[in-house]
C-alpha atoms as a PDB file:
ATOM      1  CA  SER A   1    -112.885  80.537   3.020  1.00  0.00           C
ATOM      2  CA  ALA A   2    -111.393  78.603   5.240  1.00  0.00           C
ATOM      3  CA  ALA A   3    -109.765  82.440   6.822  1.00  0.00           C
ATOM      4  CA  GLU A   4    -113.326  83.151   7.529  1.00  0.00           C
ATOM      5  CA  LEU A   5    -114.180  79.851   9.474  1.00  0.00           C
ATOM      6  CA  LEU A   6    -111.120  79.578  11.408  1.00  0.00           C
ATOM      7  CA  THR A   7    -111.762  83.820  12.483  1.00  0.00           C
ATOM      8  CA  SER A   8    -115.392  83.006  13.074  1.00  0.00           C
ATOM      9  CA  ASP A   9    -117.832  81.878  16.249  1.00  0.00           C
ATOM     10  CA  ARG A  10    -117.947  78.609  14.230  1.00  0.00           C
ATOM     11  CA  LEU A  11    -114.446  77.425  15.032  1.00  0.00           C
ATOM     12  CA  ASN A  12    -115.484  75.543  17.908  1.00  0.00           C
ATOM     13  CA  ARG A  13    -117.866  73.251  14.735  1.00  0.00           C
ATOM     14  CA  VAL A  14    -114.514  72.046  13.385  1.00  0.00           C
ATOM     15  CA  GLY A  15    -113.861  68.167  14.351  1.00  0.00           C
ATOM     16  CA  GLN A  16    -110.759  66.015  12.709  1.00  0.00           C
ATOM     17  CA  CYS A  17    -112.054  62.200  10.907  1.00  0.00           C
ATOM     18  CA  ALA A  18    -112.076  59.770  13.392  1.00  0.00           C
ATOM     19  CA  GLY A  19    -110.550  56.627  10.437  1.00  0.00           C
ATOM     20  CA  GLU A  20    -107.869  55.538  11.483  1.00  0.00           C
ATOM     21  CA  SER A  21    -105.746  56.745   8.319  1.00  0.00           C
ATOM     22  CA  CYS A  22    -107.775  60.073   7.206  1.00  0.00           C
ATOM     23  CA  GLY A  23    -106.820  63.638   8.474  1.00  0.00           C
ATOM     24  CA  TRP A  24    -109.555  65.350   7.149  1.00  0.00           C
ATOM     25  CA  LEU A  25    -111.284  68.068   8.961  1.00  0.00           C
ATOM     26  CA  PHE A  26    -114.848  68.933   8.559  1.00  0.00           C
ATOM     27  CA  LEU A  27    -117.866  71.295   9.316  1.00  0.00           C
ATOM     28  CA  ASP A  28    -120.075  69.452  12.180  1.00  0.00           C
ATOM     29  CA  THR A  29    -123.322  71.221  11.147  1.00  0.00           C
ATOM     30  CA  THR A  30    -125.241  68.608  13.794  1.00  0.00           C
ATOM     31  CA  ARG A  31    -127.094  69.871  16.819  1.00  0.00           C
ATOM     32  CA  ASN A  32    -125.775  67.817  18.692  1.00  0.00           C
ATOM     33  CA  HIS A  33    -122.319  67.829  17.812  1.00  0.00           C
ATOM     34  CA  SER A  34    -122.247  64.677  17.390  1.00  0.00           C
ATOM     35  CA  ARG A  35    -120.347  63.697  14.192  1.00  0.00           C
ATOM     36  CA  ARG A  36    -117.490  61.342  13.432  1.00  0.00           C
ATOM     37  CA  TRP A  37    -115.849  61.067  10.198  1.00  0.00           C
ATOM     38  CA  CYS A  38    -115.517  62.984   7.107  1.00  0.00           C
ATOM     39  CA  GLU A  39    -117.673  61.836   5.280  1.00  0.00           C
ATOM     40  CA  MET A  40    -119.655  58.679   6.893  1.00  0.00           C
ATOM     41  CA  GLU A  41    -119.403  56.448   3.429  1.00  0.00           C
ATOM     42  CA  HIS A  42    -116.144  56.088   3.192  1.00  0.00           C
ATOM     43  CA  CYS A  43    -114.838  56.278   7.029  1.00  0.00           C
ATOM     44  CA  GLY A  44    -117.373  56.055   8.979  1.00  0.00           C
ATOM     45  CA  ASN A  45    -118.738  53.467   6.618  1.00  0.00           C
ATOM     46  CA  ARG A  46    -115.350  51.526   7.072  1.00  0.00           C
ATOM     47  CA  ALA A  47    -114.780  51.640  11.063  1.00  0.00           C
ATOM     48  CA  LYS A  48    -117.957  50.565  11.607  1.00  0.00           C
ATOM     49  CA  ALA A  49    -117.933  47.334   9.262  1.00  0.00           C
ATOM     50  CA  LYS A  50    -114.830  47.049  10.792  1.00  0.00           C
ATOM     51  CA  ARG A  51    -116.367  46.680  14.509  1.00  0.00           C
ATOM     52  CA  HIS A  52    -119.762  44.489  13.308  1.00  0.00           C
ATOM     53  CA  TYR A  53    -116.427  42.395  12.112  1.00  0.00           C
ATOM     54  CA  ARG A  54    -114.718  41.737  15.673  1.00  0.00           C
ATOM     55  CA  ARG A  55    -117.671  41.273  17.410  1.00  0.00           C
ATOM     56  CA  ARG A  56    -119.353  38.721  14.863  1.00  0.00           C
ATOM     57  CA  THR A  57    -115.328  36.503  14.961  1.00  0.00           C
ATOM     58  CA  THR A  58    -115.320  36.794  18.527  1.00  0.00           C
ATOM     59  CA  ARG A  59    -118.923  35.368  19.778  1.00  0.00           C
ATOM     60  CA  PRO A  60    -118.925  31.718  21.070  1.00  0.00           C
END
């Protein structure tokens, strides 16, 4: 449960999504604690697509 997680030693693995309009929390289970988004299919894909679009449109 959430209460058990928030009082456990895994609290340092709880992260907040880096998506612009997302505030979801997630449990980072990656080896190097590098997770950035709640779900890659939603927030991660939007962020990567936006970055790609900016790179493609700003080149001379």
